[in-house]
Amino acid sequence: MDPFVTLGDAAAVTTRLKLATGICLIAQRDPIQTAKQIATLDQISNGRFLFGIGAGWNADEMANHGTVFETRYKVMRENVEAMRSIWTDSKPEYHGEFVNFDPMMT
């Protein structure tokens, strides 16, 4: 199951329960969409969301998602930096080796 969908459901029916992903393999996810999903979940849960991240270990799975195993830590770093920009800047943009987007409205 998708963690963000199920955690959104849990947020809707609880008021004190902390909600967390455990380990989200962000090197295998689109940083723009992931940032929006996390921001939405954090808002509907009134700040109860805890975001656990990791780089992953399964090279075959990463290849299926378009991530090169040897660069997964660099991709993870850029995804985090890009997501932070989306969460904090009024017109975020990011230009890295793996993640690249011009100023946008979020």
PDB file of N, CA and C in Angstrom:
ATOM      1  N   MET A   1       0.843  -1.194   0.000  1.00  0.00           N
ATOM      2  CA  MET A   1       0.000   0.000   0.000  1.00  0.00           C
ATOM      3  C   MET A   1       0.880   1.246   0.000  1.00  0.00           C
ATOM      4  N   ASP A   2       0.357   2.291  -0.588  1.00  0.00           N
ATOM      5  CA  ASP A   2       1.070   3.562  -0.596  1.00  0.00           C
ATOM      6  C   ASP A   2       1.035   4.166   0.803  1.00  0.00           C
ATOM      7  N   PRO A   3       2.194   4.523   1.364  1.00  0.00           N
ATOM      8  CA  PRO A   3       2.205   5.030   2.737  1.00  0.00           C
ATOM      9  C   PRO A   3       1.468   6.349   2.906  1.00  0.00           C
ATOM     10  N   PHE A   4       1.527   7.216   1.908  1.00  0.00           N
ATOM     11  CA  PHE A   4       0.909   8.529   2.072  1.00  0.00           C
ATOM     12  C   PHE A   4      -0.616   8.458   2.009  1.00  0.00           C
ATOM     13  N   VAL A   5      -1.138   7.550   1.224  1.00  0.00           N
ATOM     14  CA  VAL A   5      -2.597   7.359   1.168  1.00  0.00           C
ATOM     15  C   VAL A   5      -3.092   6.769   2.482  1.00  0.00           C
ATOM     16  N   THR A   6      -2.438   5.718   2.959  1.00  0.00           N
ATOM     17  CA  THR A   6      -2.893   5.073   4.191  1.00  0.00           C
ATOM     18  C   THR A   6      -2.691   5.966   5.413  1.00  0.00           C
ATOM     19  N   LEU A   7      -1.599   6.732   5.444  1.00  0.00           N
ATOM     20  CA  LEU A   7      -1.393   7.649   6.561  1.00  0.00           C
ATOM     21  C   LEU A   7      -2.400   8.798   6.526  1.00  0.00           C
ATOM     22  N   GLY A   8      -2.808   9.211   5.351  1.00  0.00           N
ATOM     23  CA  GLY A   8      -3.861  10.223   5.241  1.00  0.00           C
ATOM     24  C   GLY A   8      -5.170   9.707   5.810  1.00  0.00           C
ATOM     25  N   ASP A   9      -5.454   8.446   5.557  1.00  0.00           N
ATOM     26  CA  ASP A   9      -6.648   7.830   6.118  1.00  0.00           C
ATOM     27  C   ASP A   9      -6.560   7.776   7.638  1.00  0.00           C
ATOM     28  N   ALA A  10      -5.393   7.409   8.160  1.00  0.00           N
ATOM     29  CA  ALA A  10      -5.201   7.367   9.617  1.00  0.00           C
ATOM     30  C   ALA A  10      -5.313   8.764  10.221  1.00  0.00           C
ATOM     31  N   ALA A  11      -4.810   9.765   9.529  1.00  0.00           N
ATOM     32  CA  ALA A  11      -4.891  11.150  10.023  1.00  0.00           C
ATOM     33  C   ALA A  11      -6.340  11.609  10.138  1.00  0.00           C
ATOM     34  N   ALA A  12      -7.169  11.126   9.235  1.00  0.00           N
ATOM     35  CA  ALA A  12      -8.572  11.547   9.215  1.00  0.00           C
ATOM     36  C   ALA A  12      -9.385  10.981  10.373  1.00  0.00           C
ATOM     37  N   VAL A  13      -8.941   9.867  10.938  1.00  0.00           N
ATOM     38  CA  VAL A  13      -9.741   9.216  11.982  1.00  0.00           C
ATOM     39  C   VAL A  13      -9.073   9.207  13.353  1.00  0.00           C
ATOM     40  N   THR A  14      -7.937   9.918  13.476  1.00  0.00           N
ATOM     41  CA  THR A  14      -7.252  10.014  14.765  1.00  0.00           C
ATOM     42  C   THR A  14      -6.913  11.471  15.040  1.00  0.00           C
ATOM     43  N   THR A  15      -6.593  11.772  16.301  1.00  0.00           N
ATOM     44  CA  THR A  15      -6.217  13.144  16.633  1.00  0.00           C
ATOM     45  C   THR A  15      -4.880  13.236  17.369  1.00  0.00           C
ATOM     46  N   ARG A  16      -4.421  12.145  17.966  1.00  0.00           N
ATOM     47  CA  ARG A  16      -3.177  12.190  18.739  1.00  0.00           C
ATOM     48  C   ARG A  16      -2.098  11.254  18.215  1.00  0.00           C
ATOM     49  N   LEU A  17      -2.459  10.294  17.419  1.00  0.00           N
ATOM     50  CA  LEU A  17      -1.522   9.306  16.904  1.00  0.00           C
ATOM     51  C   LEU A  17      -0.471   9.961  16.009  1.00  0.00           C
ATOM     52  N   LYS A  18       0.829   9.695  16.280  1.00  0.00           N
ATOM     53  CA  LYS A  18       1.890  10.151  15.389  1.00  0.00           C
ATOM     54  C   LYS A  18       1.862   9.285  14.136  1.00  0.00           C
ATOM     55  N   LEU A  19       2.104   9.892  13.001  1.00  0.00           N
ATOM     56  CA  LEU A  19       2.059   9.204  11.715  1.00  0.00           C
ATOM     57  C   LEU A  19       3.448   9.241  11.096  1.00  0.00           C
ATOM     58  N   ALA A  20       3.967   8.094  10.646  1.00  0.00           N
ATOM     59  CA  ALA A  20       5.323   8.043  10.117  1.00  0.00           C
ATOM     60  C   ALA A  20       5.435   7.061   8.960  1.00  0.00           C
ATOM     61  N   THR A  21       6.392   7.331   8.093  1.00  0.00           N
ATOM     62  CA  THR A  21       6.629   6.446   6.958  1.00  0.00           C
ATOM     63  C   THR A  21       7.531   5.276   7.307  1.00  0.00           C
ATOM     64  N   GLY A  22       8.222   5.317   8.424  1.00  0.00           N
ATOM     65  CA  GLY A  22       9.289   4.347   8.668  1.00  0.00           C
ATOM     66  C   GLY A  22      10.457   4.796   7.813  1.00  0.00           C
ATOM     67  N   ILE A  23      10.774   4.068   6.770  1.00  0.00           N
ATOM     68  CA  ILE A  23      11.826   4.477   5.841  1.00  0.00           C
ATOM     69  C   ILE A  23      11.208   4.651   4.457  1.00  0.00           C
ATOM     70  N   CYS A  24      11.229   5.874   3.966  1.00  0.00           N
ATOM     71  CA  CYS A  24      10.765   6.189   2.617  1.00  0.00           C
ATOM     72  C   CYS A  24      11.997   6.264   1.710  1.00  0.00           C
ATOM     73  N   LEU A  25      12.001   5.484   0.665  1.00  0.00           N
ATOM     74  CA  LEU A  25      13.145   5.449  -0.256  1.00  0.00           C
ATOM     75  C   LEU A  25      13.021   6.604  -1.249  1.00  0.00           C
ATOM     76  N   ILE A  26      13.419   7.794  -0.806  1.00  0.00           N
ATOM     77  CA  ILE A  26      13.172   8.986  -1.611  1.00  0.00           C
ATOM     78  C   ILE A  26      14.028   9.071  -2.869  1.00  0.00           C
ATOM     79  N   ALA A  27      15.083   8.296  -2.968  1.00  0.00           N
ATOM     80  CA  ALA A  27      15.866   8.277  -4.204  1.00  0.00           C
ATOM     81  C   ALA A  27      15.077   7.625  -5.337  1.00  0.00           C
ATOM     82  N   GLN A  28      14.007   6.924  -4.992  1.00  0.00           N
ATOM     83  CA  GLN A  28      13.178   6.247  -5.987  1.00  0.00           C
ATOM     84  C   GLN A  28      11.861   6.987  -6.234  1.00  0.00           C
ATOM     85  N   ARG A  29      11.745   8.217  -5.724  1.00  0.00           N
ATOM     86  CA  ARG A  29      10.490   8.966  -5.846  1.00  0.00           C
ATOM     87  C   ARG A  29      10.765  10.324  -6.462  1.00  0.00           C
ATOM     88  N   ASP A  30       9.754  10.885  -7.098  1.00  0.00           N
ATOM     89  CA  ASP A  30       9.846  12.235  -7.642  1.00  0.00           C
ATOM     90  C   ASP A  30       9.801  13.234  -6.484  1.00  0.00           C
ATOM     91  N   PRO A  31      10.799  14.116  -6.367  1.00  0.00           N
ATOM     92  CA  PRO A  31      10.834  15.011  -5.208  1.00  0.00           C
ATOM     93  C   PRO A  31       9.707  16.049  -5.181  1.00  0.00           C
ATOM     94  N   ILE A  32       9.237  16.490  -6.322  1.00  0.00           N
ATOM     95  CA  ILE A  32       8.154  17.491  -6.340  1.00  0.00           C
ATOM     96  C   ILE A  32       6.861  16.865  -5.837  1.00  0.00           C
ATOM     97  N   GLN A  33       6.501  15.732  -6.385  1.00  0.00           N
ATOM     98  CA  GLN A  33       5.269  15.061  -5.950  1.00  0.00           C
ATOM     99  C   GLN A  33       5.373  14.607  -4.501  1.00  0.00           C
ATOM    100  N   THR A  34       6.522  14.089  -4.105  1.00  0.00           N
ATOM    101  CA  THR A  34       6.699  13.626  -2.732  1.00  0.00           C
ATOM    102  C   THR A  34       6.587  14.788  -1.754  1.00  0.00           C
ATOM    103  N   ALA A  35       7.194  15.927  -2.087  1.00  0.00           N
ATOM    104  CA  ALA A  35       7.107  17.110  -1.215  1.00  0.00           C
ATOM    105  C   ALA A  35       5.662  17.549  -1.043  1.00  0.00           C
ATOM    106  N   LYS A  36       4.883  17.535  -2.105  1.00  0.00           N
ATOM    107  CA  LYS A  36       3.475  17.925  -2.023  1.00  0.00           C
ATOM    108  C   LYS A  36       2.670  16.923  -1.197  1.00  0.00           C
ATOM    109  N   GLN A  37       2.940  15.638  -1.372  1.00  0.00           N
ATOM    110  CA  GLN A  37       2.239  14.619  -0.587  1.00  0.00           C
ATOM    111  C   GLN A  37       2.541  14.774   0.903  1.00  0.00           C
ATOM    112  N   ILE A  38       3.797  14.999   1.226  1.00  0.00           N
ATOM    113  CA  ILE A  38       4.197  15.138   2.626  1.00  0.00           C
ATOM    114  C   ILE A  38       3.590  16.395   3.239  1.00  0.00           C
ATOM    115  N   ALA A  39       3.637  17.499   2.501  1.00  0.00           N
ATOM    116  CA  ALA A  39       3.061  18.750   3.012  1.00  0.00           C
ATOM    117  C   ALA A  39       1.563  18.596   3.258  1.00  0.00           C
ATOM    118  N   THR A  40       0.882  17.913   2.348  1.00  0.00           N
ATOM    119  CA  THR A  40      -0.555  17.675   2.514  1.00  0.00           C
ATOM    120  C   THR A  40      -0.817  16.825   3.745  1.00  0.00           C
ATOM    121  N   LEU A  41      -0.089  15.742   3.889  1.00  0.00           N
ATOM    122  CA  LEU A  41      -0.266  14.846   5.036  1.00  0.00           C
ATOM    123  C   LEU A  41       0.044  15.571   6.340  1.00  0.00           C
ATOM    124  N   ASP A  42       1.088  16.377   6.354  1.00  0.00           N
ATOM    125  CA  ASP A  42       1.440  17.112   7.567  1.00  0.00           C
ATOM    126  C   ASP A  42       0.338  18.100   7.939  1.00  0.00           C
ATOM    127  N   GLN A  43      -0.256  18.743   6.958  1.00  0.00           N
ATOM    128  CA  GLN A  43      -1.335  19.694   7.240  1.00  0.00           C
ATOM    129  C   GLN A  43      -2.596  19.003   7.728  1.00  0.00           C
ATOM    130  N   ILE A  44      -3.019  17.932   7.053  1.00  0.00           N
ATOM    131  CA  ILE A  44      -4.273  17.293   7.480  1.00  0.00           C
ATOM    132  C   ILE A  44      -4.123  16.551   8.806  1.00  0.00           C
ATOM    133  N   SER A  45      -2.873  16.274   9.204  1.00  0.00           N
ATOM    134  CA  SER A  45      -2.652  15.609  10.500  1.00  0.00           C
ATOM    135  C   SER A  45      -2.317  16.618  11.599  1.00  0.00           C
ATOM    136  N   ASN A  46      -2.363  17.901  11.287  1.00  0.00           N
ATOM    137  CA  ASN A  46      -2.010  18.954  12.253  1.00  0.00           C
ATOM    138  C   ASN A  46      -0.600  18.772  12.809  1.00  0.00           C
ATOM    139  N   GLY A  47       0.357  18.466  11.914  1.00  0.00           N
ATOM    140  CA  GLY A  47       1.752  18.385  12.311  1.00  0.00           C
ATOM    141  C   GLY A  47       2.177  17.088  12.974  1.00  0.00           C
ATOM    142  N   ARG A  48       1.384  16.041  12.845  1.00  0.00           N
ATOM    143  CA  ARG A  48       1.723  14.772  13.504  1.00  0.00           C
ATOM    144  C   ARG A  48       2.573  13.850  12.642  1.00  0.00           C
ATOM    145  N   PHE A  49       2.942  14.282  11.445  1.00  0.00           N
ATOM    146  CA  PHE A  49       3.680  13.417  10.524  1.00  0.00           C
ATOM    147  C   PHE A  49       5.180  13.442  10.817  1.00  0.00           C
ATOM    148  N   LEU A  50       5.794  12.264  10.864  1.00  0.00           N
ATOM    149  CA  LEU A  50       7.236  12.098  11.026  1.00  0.00           C
ATOM    150  C   LEU A  50       7.766  11.442   9.751  1.00  0.00           C
ATOM    151  N   PHE A  51       8.755  12.066   9.135  1.00  0.00           N
ATOM    152  CA  PHE A  51       9.249  11.602   7.837  1.00  0.00           C
ATOM    153  C   PHE A  51      10.576  10.879   7.986  1.00  0.00           C
ATOM    154  N   GLY A  52      10.552   9.552   7.874  1.00  0.00           N
ATOM    155  CA  GLY A  52      11.767   8.752   7.905  1.00  0.00           C
ATOM    156  C   GLY A  52      12.227   8.480   6.482  1.00  0.00           C
ATOM    157  N   ILE A  53      13.517   8.691   6.224  1.00  0.00           N
ATOM    158  CA  ILE A  53      14.040   8.485   4.876  1.00  0.00           C
ATOM    159  C   ILE A  53      15.228   7.537   4.890  1.00  0.00           C
ATOM    160  N   GLY A  54      15.498   6.972   3.730  1.00  0.00           N
ATOM    161  CA  GLY A  54      16.658   6.113   3.559  1.00  0.00           C
ATOM    162  C   GLY A  54      17.042   6.053   2.097  1.00  0.00           C
ATOM    163  N   ALA A  55      18.227   5.501   1.837  1.00  0.00           N
ATOM    164  CA  ALA A  55      18.743   5.430   0.463  1.00  0.00           C
ATOM    165  C   ALA A  55      18.406   4.105  -0.211  1.00  0.00           C
ATOM    166  N   GLY A  56      18.130   3.087   0.567  1.00  0.00           N
ATOM    167  CA  GLY A  56      17.795   1.784  -0.008  1.00  0.00           C
ATOM    168  C   GLY A  56      19.015   0.895  -0.193  1.00  0.00           C
ATOM    169  N   TRP A  57      18.741  -0.370  -0.461  1.00  0.00           N
ATOM    170  CA  TRP A  57      19.811  -1.355  -0.607  1.00  0.00           C
ATOM    171  C   TRP A  57      19.617  -2.265  -1.815  1.00  0.00           C
ATOM    172  N   ASN A  58      18.419  -2.296  -2.389  1.00  0.00           N
ATOM    173  CA  ASN A  58      18.098  -3.238  -3.449  1.00  0.00           C
ATOM    174  C   ASN A  58      18.397  -2.616  -4.820  1.00  0.00           C
ATOM    175  N   ALA A  59      19.544  -2.972  -5.389  1.00  0.00           N
ATOM    176  CA  ALA A  59      19.991  -2.381  -6.655  1.00  0.00           C
ATOM    177  C   ALA A  59      19.012  -2.649  -7.799  1.00  0.00           C
ATOM    178  N   ASP A  60      18.446  -3.854  -7.852  1.00  0.00           N
ATOM    179  CA  ASP A  60      17.499  -4.178  -8.927  1.00  0.00           C
ATOM    180  C   ASP A  60      16.242  -3.320  -8.841  1.00  0.00           C
ATOM    181  N   GLU A  61      15.733  -3.149  -7.626  1.00  0.00           N
ATOM    182  CA  GLU A  61      14.542  -2.316  -7.429  1.00  0.00           C
ATOM    183  C   GLU A  61      14.830  -0.869  -7.832  1.00  0.00           C
ATOM    184  N   MET A  62      15.997  -0.365  -7.450  1.00  0.00           N
ATOM    185  CA  MET A  62      16.365   1.005  -7.812  1.00  0.00           C
ATOM    186  C   MET A  62      16.432   1.171  -9.319  1.00  0.00           C
ATOM    187  N   ALA A  63      17.023   0.207  -9.992  1.00  0.00           N
ATOM    188  CA  ALA A  63      17.125   0.269 -11.453  1.00  0.00           C
ATOM    189  C   ALA A  63      15.738   0.341 -12.085  1.00  0.00           C
ATOM    190  N   ASN A  64      14.776  -0.380 -11.513  1.00  0.00           N
ATOM    191  CA  ASN A  64      13.407  -0.327 -12.027  1.00  0.00           C
ATOM    192  C   ASN A  64      12.780   1.049 -11.874  1.00  0.00           C
ATOM    193  N   HIS A  65      13.283   1.833 -10.915  1.00  0.00           N
ATOM    194  CA  HIS A  65      12.784   3.192 -10.687  1.00  0.00           C
ATOM    195  C   HIS A  65      13.657   4.248 -11.348  1.00  0.00           C
ATOM    196  N   GLY A  66      14.680   3.820 -12.089  1.00  0.00           N
ATOM    197  CA  GLY A  66      15.543   4.752 -12.789  1.00  0.00           C
ATOM    198  C   GLY A  66      16.660   5.340 -11.948  1.00  0.00           C
ATOM    199  N   THR A  67      16.939   4.752 -10.802  1.00  0.00           N
ATOM    200  CA  THR A  67      18.018   5.237  -9.930  1.00  0.00           C
ATOM    201  C   THR A  67      19.217   4.307 -10.036  1.00  0.00           C
ATOM    202  N   VAL A  68      20.390   4.882 -10.260  1.00  0.00           N
ATOM    203  CA  VAL A  68      21.629   4.106 -10.313  1.00  0.00           C
ATOM    204  C   VAL A  68      22.088   3.861  -8.880  1.00  0.00           C
ATOM    205  N   PHE A  69      22.330   2.611  -8.550  1.00  0.00           N
ATOM    206  CA  PHE A  69      22.669   2.210  -7.180  1.00  0.00           C
ATOM    207  C   PHE A  69      23.831   3.019  -6.612  1.00  0.00           C
ATOM    208  N   GLU A  70      24.862   3.220  -7.405  1.00  0.00           N
ATOM    209  CA  GLU A  70      26.068   3.895  -6.922  1.00  0.00           C
ATOM    210  C   GLU A  70      25.846   5.381  -6.618  1.00  0.00           C
ATOM    211  N   THR A  71      24.816   5.969  -7.181  1.00  0.00           N
ATOM    212  CA  THR A  71      24.572   7.408  -6.961  1.00  0.00           C
ATOM    213  C   THR A  71      23.395   7.667  -6.026  1.00  0.00           C
ATOM    214  N   ARG A  72      22.881   6.629  -5.384  1.00  0.00           N
ATOM    215  CA  ARG A  72      21.655   6.771  -4.597  1.00  0.00           C
ATOM    216  C   ARG A  72      21.778   7.791  -3.461  1.00  0.00           C
ATOM    217  N   TYR A  73      22.931   7.897  -2.830  1.00  0.00           N
ATOM    218  CA  TYR A  73      23.087   8.868  -1.742  1.00  0.00           C
ATOM    219  C   TYR A  73      23.084  10.297  -2.265  1.00  0.00           C
ATOM    220  N   LYS A  74      23.676  10.521  -3.425  1.00  0.00           N
ATOM    221  CA  LYS A  74      23.644  11.848  -4.038  1.00  0.00           C
ATOM    222  C   LYS A  74      22.219  12.219  -4.443  1.00  0.00           C
ATOM    223  N   VAL A  75      21.512  11.259  -5.020  1.00  0.00           N
ATOM    224  CA  VAL A  75      20.117  11.493  -5.407  1.00  0.00           C
ATOM    225  C   VAL A  75      19.281  11.794  -4.170  1.00  0.00           C
ATOM    226  N   MET A  76      19.486  11.034  -3.103  1.00  0.00           N
ATOM    227  CA  MET A  76      18.742  11.248  -1.864  1.00  0.00           C
ATOM    228  C   MET A  76      19.010  12.661  -1.325  1.00  0.00           C
ATOM    229  N   ARG A  77      20.263  13.074  -1.305  1.00  0.00           N
ATOM    230  CA  ARG A  77      20.611  14.416  -0.810  1.00  0.00           C
ATOM    231  C   ARG A  77      19.917  15.494  -1.638  1.00  0.00           C
ATOM    232  N   GLU A  78      19.988  15.373  -2.960  1.00  0.00           N
ATOM    233  CA  GLU A  78      19.355  16.372  -3.818  1.00  0.00           C
ATOM    234  C   GLU A  78      17.843  16.380  -3.642  1.00  0.00           C
ATOM    235  N   ASN A  79      17.243  15.213  -3.504  1.00  0.00           N
ATOM    236  CA  ASN A  79      15.794  15.163  -3.282  1.00  0.00           C
ATOM    237  C   ASN A  79      15.411  15.883  -2.000  1.00  0.00           C
ATOM    238  N   VAL A  80      16.173  15.668  -0.932  1.00  0.00           N
ATOM    239  CA  VAL A  80      15.898  16.343   0.339  1.00  0.00           C
ATOM    240  C   VAL A  80      16.075  17.850   0.185  1.00  0.00           C
ATOM    241  N   GLU A  81      17.167  18.266  -0.436  1.00  0.00           N
ATOM    242  CA  GLU A  81      17.394  19.703  -0.636  1.00  0.00           C
ATOM    243  C   GLU A  81      16.283  20.331  -1.470  1.00  0.00           C
ATOM    244  N   ALA A  82      15.871  19.648  -2.532  1.00  0.00           N
ATOM    245  CA  ALA A  82      14.793  20.169  -3.385  1.00  0.00           C
ATOM    246  C   ALA A  82      13.472  20.238  -2.622  1.00  0.00           C
ATOM    247  N   MET A  83      13.161  19.207  -1.838  1.00  0.00           N
ATOM    248  CA  MET A  83      11.920  19.210  -1.065  1.00  0.00           C
ATOM    249  C   MET A  83      11.922  20.317  -0.019  1.00  0.00           C
ATOM    250  N   ARG A  84      13.050  20.541   0.624  1.00  0.00           N
ATOM    251  CA  ARG A  84      13.140  21.645   1.597  1.00  0.00           C
ATOM    252  C   ARG A  84      12.856  22.978   0.922  1.00  0.00           C
ATOM    253  N   SER A  85      13.374  23.152  -0.272  1.00  0.00           N
ATOM    254  CA  SER A  85      13.108  24.382  -1.012  1.00  0.00           C
ATOM    255  C   SER A  85      11.617  24.522  -1.307  1.00  0.00           C
ATOM    256  N   ILE A  86      10.984  23.437  -1.700  1.00  0.00           N
ATOM    257  CA  ILE A  86       9.541  23.459  -1.994  1.00  0.00           C
ATOM    258  C   ILE A  86       8.749  23.814  -0.744  1.00  0.00           C
ATOM    259  N   TRP A  87       9.168  23.296   0.400  1.00  0.00           N
ATOM    260  CA  TRP A  87       8.443  23.548   1.649  1.00  0.00           C
ATOM    261  C   TRP A  87       8.667  24.944   2.208  1.00  0.00           C
ATOM    262  N   THR A  88       9.794  25.582   1.896  1.00  0.00           N
ATOM    263  CA  THR A  88      10.140  26.829   2.583  1.00  0.00           C
ATOM    264  C   THR A  88      10.202  28.070   1.701  1.00  0.00           C
ATOM    265  N   ASP A  89      10.422  27.931   0.413  1.00  0.00           N
ATOM    266  CA  ASP A  89      10.570  29.090  -0.469  1.00  0.00           C
ATOM    267  C   ASP A  89       9.253  29.425  -1.160  1.00  0.00           C
ATOM    268  N   SER A  90       8.993  30.717  -1.348  1.00  0.00           N
ATOM    269  CA  SER A  90       7.742  31.120  -2.004  1.00  0.00           C
ATOM    270  C   SER A  90       7.733  30.745  -3.494  1.00  0.00           C
ATOM    271  N   LYS A  91       8.877  30.761  -4.141  1.00  0.00           N
ATOM    272  CA  LYS A  91       9.004  30.312  -5.538  1.00  0.00           C
ATOM    273  C   LYS A  91      10.226  29.393  -5.613  1.00  0.00           C
ATOM    274  N   PRO A  92      10.060  28.163  -5.166  1.00  0.00           N
ATOM    275  CA  PRO A  92      11.208  27.262  -5.109  1.00  0.00           C
ATOM    276  C   PRO A  92      11.752  26.910  -6.490  1.00  0.00           C
ATOM    277  N   GLU A  93      13.051  26.699  -6.510  1.00  0.00           N
ATOM    278  CA  GLU A  93      13.714  26.161  -7.692  1.00  0.00           C
ATOM    279  C   GLU A  93      14.904  25.350  -7.213  1.00  0.00           C
ATOM    280  N   TYR A  94      15.338  24.421  -8.049  1.00  0.00           N
ATOM    281  CA  TYR A  94      16.487  23.600  -7.675  1.00  0.00           C
ATOM    282  C   TYR A  94      17.203  23.170  -8.950  1.00  0.00           C
ATOM    283  N   HIS A  95      18.512  23.261  -8.899  1.00  0.00           N
ATOM    284  CA  HIS A  95      19.324  22.866 -10.047  1.00  0.00           C
ATOM    285  C   HIS A  95      20.512  22.053  -9.541  1.00  0.00           C
ATOM    286  N   GLY A  96      20.373  20.743  -9.660  1.00  0.00           N
ATOM    287  CA  GLY A  96      21.437  19.836  -9.231  1.00  0.00           C
ATOM    288  C   GLY A  96      21.820  18.907 -10.360  1.00  0.00           C
ATOM    289  N   GLU A  97      22.592  17.910 -10.014  1.00  0.00           N
ATOM    290  CA  GLU A  97      23.016  16.917 -10.997  1.00  0.00           C
ATOM    291  C   GLU A  97      21.870  15.976 -11.378  1.00  0.00           C
ATOM    292  N   PHE A  98      20.997  15.671 -10.412  1.00  0.00           N
ATOM    293  CA  PHE A  98      19.924  14.709 -10.635  1.00  0.00           C
ATOM    294  C   PHE A  98      18.534  15.333 -10.595  1.00  0.00           C
ATOM    295  N   VAL A  99      18.376  16.398  -9.848  1.00  0.00           N
ATOM    296  CA  VAL A  99      17.090  17.084  -9.698  1.00  0.00           C
ATOM    297  C   VAL A  99      17.238  18.475 -10.284  1.00  0.00           C
ATOM    298  N   ASN A 100      16.300  18.836 -11.141  1.00  0.00           N
ATOM    299  CA  ASN A 100      16.399  20.137 -11.798  1.00  0.00           C
ATOM    300  C   ASN A 100      15.007  20.670 -12.112  1.00  0.00           C
ATOM    301  N   PHE A 101      14.661  21.809 -11.491  1.00  0.00           N
ATOM    302  CA  PHE A 101      13.418  22.479 -11.849  1.00  0.00           C
ATOM    303  C   PHE A 101      13.565  23.979 -11.661  1.00  0.00           C
ATOM    304  N   ASP A 102      12.894  24.723 -12.540  1.00  0.00           N
ATOM    305  CA  ASP A 102      12.896  26.186 -12.504  1.00  0.00           C
ATOM    306  C   ASP A 102      11.908  26.663 -11.456  1.00  0.00           C
ATOM    307  N   PRO A 103      11.910  27.971 -11.162  1.00  0.00           N
ATOM    308  CA  PRO A 103      10.971  28.500 -10.155  1.00  0.00           C
ATOM    309  C   PRO A 103       9.530  28.062 -10.453  1.00  0.00           C
ATOM    310  N   MET A 104       8.825  27.695  -9.393  1.00  0.00           N
ATOM    311  CA  MET A 104       7.441  27.233  -9.540  1.00  0.00           C
ATOM    312  C   MET A 104       6.606  27.722  -8.363  1.00  0.00           C
ATOM    313  N   MET A 105       5.315  27.635  -8.540  1.00  0.00           N
ATOM    314  CA  MET A 105       4.371  27.969  -7.463  1.00  0.00           C
ATOM    315  C   MET A 105       3.949  26.664  -6.808  1.00  0.00           C
ATOM    316  N   THR A 106       3.920  26.670  -5.471  1.00  0.00           N
ATOM    317  CA  THR A 106       3.478  25.473  -4.758  1.00  0.00           C
ATOM    318  C   THR A 106       2.415  25.836  -3.765  1.00  0.00           C
TER     319      THR A 106
END
